[in-house]
Amino acid sequence: MQDPSGDKAQYLLAAARGPEGQACDFETLRVYTWNRKKSRYETAFIENDLCGKLPIRVDKQAAGQPEFRFVNAGDGGNERVYRLIQTVVRRVREDGEVGRSVKTTKASPKKR
């Protein structure tokens, strides 16, 4: 991320709960990106309930967008791929399609 005070790094955090020696190397992912307007880091992405295995490979896509990938034992050992598009993280599906966020809203009760 670019900022008037200089380039700001973006961070990927992988964490596990509990003692060492568990089946999963990490269970949670978080991505922190720089918010220029507020001059601080903010959480851009959180995913819990994973059973991820190290290493997490970080690379750049041909278009220059950062992406990261790892094996998730919870998916039968399939590899998961995520792409950072500006400050938004999206999961890349097997067919190369970038996932979209789904916004759900509660239906309001009808007035009688």
N, C-alpha and C. Protein backbone atom coordinates (compact mmCIF):
# COMPACT_ATOMS: atom_id res chain seq x y z
N MET A 1 0.84 -1.17 0.00
CA MET A 1 0.00 0.00 0.00
C MET A 1 0.89 1.24 0.00
N GLN A 2 0.50 2.22 -0.77
CA GLN A 2 1.24 3.46 -0.77
C GLN A 2 0.56 4.46 0.14
N ASP A 3 1.37 5.24 0.79
CA ASP A 3 0.90 6.25 1.73
C ASP A 3 1.82 7.45 1.57
N PRO A 4 1.33 8.68 1.83
CA PRO A 4 2.21 9.85 1.71
C PRO A 4 3.49 9.72 2.54
N SER A 5 3.42 8.96 3.64
CA SER A 5 4.62 8.79 4.48
C SER A 5 5.50 7.64 4.01
N GLY A 6 5.11 6.99 2.91
CA GLY A 6 5.90 5.88 2.37
C GLY A 6 5.07 4.62 2.22
N ASP A 7 5.66 3.61 1.61
CA ASP A 7 4.96 2.35 1.41
C ASP A 7 4.67 1.67 2.75
N LYS A 8 3.52 1.08 2.85
CA LYS A 8 3.11 0.36 4.06
C LYS A 8 2.95 -1.12 3.72
N ALA A 9 3.49 -1.96 4.56
CA ALA A 9 3.37 -3.40 4.37
C ALA A 9 1.95 -3.86 4.66
N GLN A 10 1.59 -4.99 4.11
CA GLN A 10 0.33 -5.65 4.43
C GLN A 10 0.71 -6.96 5.10
N TYR A 11 -0.04 -7.37 6.11
CA TYR A 11 0.35 -8.51 6.92
C TYR A 11 -0.65 -9.65 6.84
N LEU A 12 -0.12 -10.86 6.81
CA LEU A 12 -0.91 -12.09 6.88
C LEU A 12 -0.52 -12.79 8.17
N LEU A 13 -1.51 -13.07 9.01
CA LEU A 13 -1.28 -13.72 10.29
C LEU A 13 -1.99 -15.07 10.28
N ALA A 14 -1.27 -16.13 10.61
CA ALA A 14 -1.85 -17.46 10.77
C ALA A 14 -1.67 -17.85 12.23
N ALA A 15 -2.74 -18.29 12.89
CA ALA A 15 -2.66 -18.57 14.32
C ALA A 15 -3.38 -19.87 14.67
N ALA A 16 -2.93 -20.47 15.77
CA ALA A 16 -3.56 -21.68 16.30
C ALA A 16 -3.89 -21.45 17.76
N ARG A 17 -4.94 -22.11 18.22
CA ARG A 17 -5.31 -22.05 19.63
C ARG A 17 -4.89 -23.35 20.30
N GLY A 18 -4.57 -23.27 21.57
CA GLY A 18 -4.26 -24.49 22.31
C GLY A 18 -2.79 -24.86 22.26
N PRO A 19 -2.45 -26.03 22.80
CA PRO A 19 -1.06 -26.45 22.90
C PRO A 19 -0.48 -26.89 21.55
N GLU A 20 0.83 -27.04 21.52
CA GLU A 20 1.50 -27.52 20.31
C GLU A 20 1.16 -28.99 20.07
N GLY A 21 1.45 -29.47 18.87
CA GLY A 21 1.25 -30.87 18.56
C GLY A 21 -0.14 -31.20 18.08
N GLN A 22 -0.92 -30.21 17.67
CA GLN A 22 -2.26 -30.47 17.16
C GLN A 22 -2.19 -30.90 15.70
N ALA A 23 -3.30 -31.42 15.19
CA ALA A 23 -3.35 -31.88 13.80
C ALA A 23 -3.21 -30.72 12.81
N CYS A 24 -3.62 -29.52 13.23
CA CYS A 24 -3.59 -28.35 12.35
C CYS A 24 -2.42 -27.45 12.74
N ASP A 25 -1.73 -26.94 11.73
CA ASP A 25 -0.67 -25.97 12.00
C ASP A 25 -1.26 -24.60 12.37
N PHE A 26 -2.41 -24.27 11.76
CA PHE A 26 -3.10 -23.03 12.11
C PHE A 26 -4.59 -23.22 11.87
N GLU A 27 -5.38 -22.43 12.61
CA GLU A 27 -6.84 -22.52 12.53
C GLU A 27 -7.49 -21.22 12.11
N THR A 28 -6.74 -20.13 12.15
CA THR A 28 -7.27 -18.80 11.87
C THR A 28 -6.32 -18.05 10.94
N LEU A 29 -6.89 -17.32 10.01
CA LEU A 29 -6.13 -16.41 9.15
C LEU A 29 -6.68 -15.00 9.33
N ARG A 30 -5.79 -14.03 9.35
CA ARG A 30 -6.16 -12.61 9.37
C ARG A 30 -5.23 -11.87 8.41
N VAL A 31 -5.80 -10.89 7.73
CA VAL A 31 -5.01 -10.02 6.86
C VAL A 31 -5.23 -8.59 7.34
N TYR A 32 -4.13 -7.87 7.54
CA TYR A 32 -4.17 -6.47 7.97
C TYR A 32 -3.64 -5.60 6.84
N THR A 33 -4.40 -4.55 6.50
CA THR A 33 -3.99 -3.61 5.47
C THR A 33 -4.01 -2.19 6.04
N TRP A 34 -3.29 -1.31 5.38
CA TRP A 34 -3.15 0.06 5.83
C TRP A 34 -4.32 0.89 5.32
N ASN A 35 -4.96 1.64 6.22
CA ASN A 35 -6.03 2.56 5.87
C ASN A 35 -5.41 3.97 5.83
N ARG A 36 -5.27 4.51 4.63
CA ARG A 36 -4.64 5.82 4.47
C ARG A 36 -5.42 6.93 5.15
N LYS A 37 -6.74 6.89 5.04
CA LYS A 37 -7.56 7.97 5.61
C LYS A 37 -7.43 8.03 7.13
N LYS A 38 -7.38 6.88 7.77
CA LYS A 38 -7.30 6.84 9.24
C LYS A 38 -5.88 6.68 9.76
N SER A 39 -4.92 6.49 8.86
CA SER A 39 -3.50 6.33 9.21
C SER A 39 -3.29 5.23 10.25
N ARG A 40 -3.87 4.06 9.95
CA ARG A 40 -3.70 2.91 10.85
C ARG A 40 -3.96 1.61 10.10
N TYR A 41 -3.50 0.52 10.70
CA TYR A 41 -3.78 -0.80 10.15
C TYR A 41 -5.17 -1.24 10.58
N GLU A 42 -5.87 -1.91 9.67
CA GLU A 42 -7.19 -2.44 9.95
C GLU A 42 -7.29 -3.87 9.45
N THR A 43 -8.17 -4.62 10.05
CA THR A 43 -8.39 -6.00 9.64
C THR A 43 -9.17 -6.01 8.33
N ALA A 44 -8.60 -6.60 7.30
CA ALA A 44 -9.25 -6.66 6.00
C ALA A 44 -9.93 -8.01 5.79
N PHE A 45 -9.50 -9.03 6.53
CA PHE A 45 -10.03 -10.37 6.29
C PHE A 45 -9.79 -11.24 7.51
N ILE A 46 -10.78 -12.05 7.86
CA ILE A 46 -10.65 -13.04 8.92
C ILE A 46 -11.30 -14.33 8.44
N GLU A 47 -10.63 -15.44 8.65
CA GLU A 47 -11.25 -16.74 8.40
C GLU A 47 -10.87 -17.65 9.56
N ASN A 48 -11.88 -18.25 10.17
CA ASN A 48 -11.71 -19.16 11.30
C ASN A 48 -12.09 -20.58 10.88
N ASP A 49 -11.94 -21.50 11.81
CA ASP A 49 -12.33 -22.90 11.60
C ASP A 49 -11.62 -23.56 10.43
N LEU A 50 -10.36 -23.23 10.26
CA LEU A 50 -9.53 -23.88 9.26
C LEU A 50 -8.73 -25.00 9.91
N CYS A 51 -8.18 -25.86 9.11
CA CYS A 51 -7.18 -26.83 9.57
C CYS A 51 -6.03 -26.74 8.58
N GLY A 52 -5.37 -25.58 8.60
CA GLY A 52 -4.33 -25.28 7.63
C GLY A 52 -3.00 -25.94 7.96
N LYS A 53 -2.26 -26.23 6.90
CA LYS A 53 -0.94 -26.82 7.01
C LYS A 53 0.09 -25.84 6.44
N LEU A 54 1.20 -25.72 7.15
CA LEU A 54 2.31 -24.91 6.66
C LEU A 54 3.05 -25.69 5.58
N PRO A 55 3.65 -25.03 4.63
CA PRO A 55 3.88 -23.59 4.50
C PRO A 55 2.70 -22.88 3.84
N ILE A 56 2.63 -21.58 4.11
CA ILE A 56 1.73 -20.70 3.37
C ILE A 56 2.60 -20.03 2.32
N ARG A 57 2.28 -20.25 1.07
CA ARG A 57 3.08 -19.67 -0.02
C ARG A 57 2.47 -18.33 -0.43
N VAL A 58 3.29 -17.30 -0.45
CA VAL A 58 2.86 -15.96 -0.83
C VAL A 58 3.54 -15.61 -2.14
N ASP A 59 2.76 -15.10 -3.08
CA ASP A 59 3.28 -14.79 -4.40
C ASP A 59 2.46 -13.65 -4.99
N LYS A 60 2.79 -13.25 -6.21
CA LYS A 60 2.00 -12.25 -6.92
C LYS A 60 1.46 -12.89 -8.19
N GLN A 61 0.21 -12.58 -8.47
CA GLN A 61 -0.43 -13.04 -9.69
C GLN A 61 0.16 -12.28 -10.87
N ALA A 62 -0.08 -12.73 -12.08
CA ALA A 62 0.46 -12.07 -13.27
C ALA A 62 0.06 -10.60 -13.33
N ALA A 63 -1.13 -10.27 -12.85
CA ALA A 63 -1.59 -8.87 -12.86
C ALA A 63 -0.98 -8.05 -11.73
N GLY A 64 -0.14 -8.68 -10.89
CA GLY A 64 0.53 -7.97 -9.81
C GLY A 64 -0.20 -7.99 -8.48
N GLN A 65 -1.34 -8.68 -8.42
CA GLN A 65 -2.09 -8.76 -7.16
C GLN A 65 -1.48 -9.84 -6.28
N PRO A 66 -1.22 -9.54 -5.01
CA PRO A 66 -0.67 -10.54 -4.11
C PRO A 66 -1.69 -11.66 -3.88
N GLU A 67 -1.17 -12.87 -3.74
CA GLU A 67 -2.02 -13.99 -3.38
C GLU A 67 -1.28 -14.93 -2.46
N PHE A 68 -2.03 -15.70 -1.70
CA PHE A 68 -1.41 -16.69 -0.82
C PHE A 68 -2.19 -17.99 -0.91
N ARG A 69 -1.49 -19.11 -0.66
CA ARG A 69 -2.10 -20.42 -0.78
C ARG A 69 -1.54 -21.37 0.26
N PHE A 70 -2.35 -22.33 0.65
CA PHE A 70 -1.96 -23.33 1.63
C PHE A 70 -2.87 -24.54 1.48
N VAL A 71 -2.45 -25.65 2.07
CA VAL A 71 -3.27 -26.86 2.08
C VAL A 71 -4.16 -26.83 3.32
N ASN A 72 -5.45 -27.05 3.11
CA ASN A 72 -6.41 -27.10 4.21
C ASN A 72 -6.85 -28.55 4.40
N ALA A 73 -6.39 -29.17 5.48
CA ALA A 73 -6.73 -30.57 5.75
C ALA A 73 -8.23 -30.73 5.97
N GLY A 74 -8.91 -29.68 6.38
CA GLY A 74 -10.36 -29.73 6.57
C GLY A 74 -11.13 -29.88 5.27
N ASP A 75 -10.48 -29.61 4.14
CA ASP A 75 -11.09 -29.76 2.81
C ASP A 75 -10.58 -31.02 2.12
N GLY A 76 -10.15 -32.00 2.90
CA GLY A 76 -9.62 -33.22 2.30
C GLY A 76 -8.24 -33.03 1.71
N GLY A 77 -7.51 -32.04 2.21
CA GLY A 77 -6.14 -31.80 1.74
C GLY A 77 -6.07 -30.96 0.48
N ASN A 78 -7.16 -30.30 0.11
CA ASN A 78 -7.16 -29.44 -1.07
C ASN A 78 -6.46 -28.12 -0.76
N GLU A 79 -5.89 -27.54 -1.79
CA GLU A 79 -5.21 -26.26 -1.64
C GLU A 79 -6.23 -25.13 -1.75
N ARG A 80 -6.10 -24.15 -0.87
CA ARG A 80 -6.92 -22.94 -0.93
C ARG A 80 -6.04 -21.79 -1.43
N VAL A 81 -6.62 -20.96 -2.29
CA VAL A 81 -5.92 -19.81 -2.85
C VAL A 81 -6.75 -18.56 -2.57
N TYR A 82 -6.08 -17.51 -2.10
CA TYR A 82 -6.72 -16.24 -1.80
C TYR A 82 -5.96 -15.13 -2.51
N ARG A 83 -6.68 -14.11 -2.96
CA ARG A 83 -6.05 -12.99 -3.67
C ARG A 83 -6.42 -11.69 -2.98
N LEU A 84 -5.43 -10.80 -2.85
CA LEU A 84 -5.64 -9.48 -2.27
C LEU A 84 -5.83 -8.50 -3.42
N ILE A 85 -7.02 -7.91 -3.50
CA ILE A 85 -7.34 -6.94 -4.54
C ILE A 85 -7.51 -5.61 -3.82
N GLN A 86 -6.52 -4.76 -3.92
CA GLN A 86 -6.39 -3.51 -3.17
C GLN A 86 -6.42 -3.85 -1.68
N THR A 87 -7.51 -3.62 -0.98
CA THR A 87 -7.56 -3.96 0.44
C THR A 87 -8.60 -5.04 0.73
N VAL A 88 -9.04 -5.76 -0.29
CA VAL A 88 -10.07 -6.79 -0.14
C VAL A 88 -9.47 -8.15 -0.47
N VAL A 89 -9.70 -9.13 0.41
CA VAL A 89 -9.21 -10.49 0.17
C VAL A 89 -10.37 -11.34 -0.32
N ARG A 90 -10.14 -12.07 -1.41
CA ARG A 90 -11.14 -12.96 -1.98
C ARG A 90 -10.53 -14.34 -2.19
N ARG A 91 -11.32 -15.37 -1.95
CA ARG A 91 -10.87 -16.74 -2.22
C ARG A 91 -11.02 -17.01 -3.71
N VAL A 92 -10.00 -17.64 -4.31
CA VAL A 92 -10.02 -18.00 -5.71
C VAL A 92 -10.46 -19.45 -5.79
N ARG A 93 -11.53 -19.72 -6.50
CA ARG A 93 -12.07 -21.06 -6.63
C ARG A 93 -11.23 -21.88 -7.61
N GLU A 94 -11.47 -23.17 -7.66
CA GLU A 94 -10.68 -24.07 -8.50
C GLU A 94 -10.71 -23.68 -9.97
N ASP A 95 -11.84 -23.13 -10.43
CA ASP A 95 -11.94 -22.75 -11.84
C ASP A 95 -11.30 -21.39 -12.13
N GLY A 96 -10.65 -20.81 -11.13
CA GLY A 96 -9.99 -19.51 -11.30
C GLY A 96 -10.88 -18.33 -11.01
N GLU A 97 -12.16 -18.58 -10.74
CA GLU A 97 -13.11 -17.52 -10.43
C GLU A 97 -12.84 -16.97 -9.04
N VAL A 98 -12.77 -15.65 -8.93
CA VAL A 98 -12.57 -15.01 -7.64
C VAL A 98 -13.92 -14.93 -6.95
N GLY A 99 -13.99 -15.39 -5.70
CA GLY A 99 -15.25 -15.39 -4.95
C GLY A 99 -15.74 -13.98 -4.71
N ARG A 100 -17.03 -13.86 -4.60
CA ARG A 100 -17.65 -12.57 -4.32
C ARG A 100 -18.23 -12.62 -2.92
N SER A 101 -18.27 -11.48 -2.30
CA SER A 101 -18.87 -11.45 -0.97
C SER A 101 -20.38 -11.48 -1.12
N VAL A 102 -21.02 -12.16 -0.23
CA VAL A 102 -22.47 -12.27 -0.25
C VAL A 102 -23.02 -11.47 0.91
N LYS A 103 -23.88 -10.56 0.64
CA LYS A 103 -24.45 -9.73 1.69
C LYS A 103 -25.83 -10.28 2.01
N THR A 104 -26.03 -10.63 3.25
CA THR A 104 -27.33 -11.14 3.66
C THR A 104 -28.00 -10.11 4.55
N THR A 105 -29.28 -10.01 4.40
CA THR A 105 -30.04 -9.09 5.24
C THR A 105 -31.24 -9.83 5.77
N LYS A 106 -31.69 -9.43 6.93
CA LYS A 106 -32.89 -10.02 7.49
C LYS A 106 -34.10 -9.40 6.82
N ALA A 107 -35.07 -10.23 6.53
CA ALA A 107 -36.31 -9.71 5.96
C ALA A 107 -37.07 -8.98 7.05
N SER A 108 -37.53 -7.82 6.73
CA SER A 108 -38.30 -7.07 7.72
C SER A 108 -39.73 -7.61 7.76
N PRO A 109 -40.31 -7.65 8.94
CA PRO A 109 -41.68 -8.16 9.04
C PRO A 109 -42.65 -7.24 8.30
N LYS A 110 -43.63 -7.88 7.68
CA LYS A 110 -44.62 -7.09 6.94
C LYS A 110 -45.55 -6.38 7.91
N LYS A 111 -45.89 -5.17 7.56
CA LYS A 111 -46.84 -4.40 8.38
C LYS A 111 -48.25 -4.77 7.97
N ARG A 112 -49.08 -4.88 8.95
CA ARG A 112 -50.48 -5.24 8.67
C ARG A 112 -51.38 -4.07 8.82
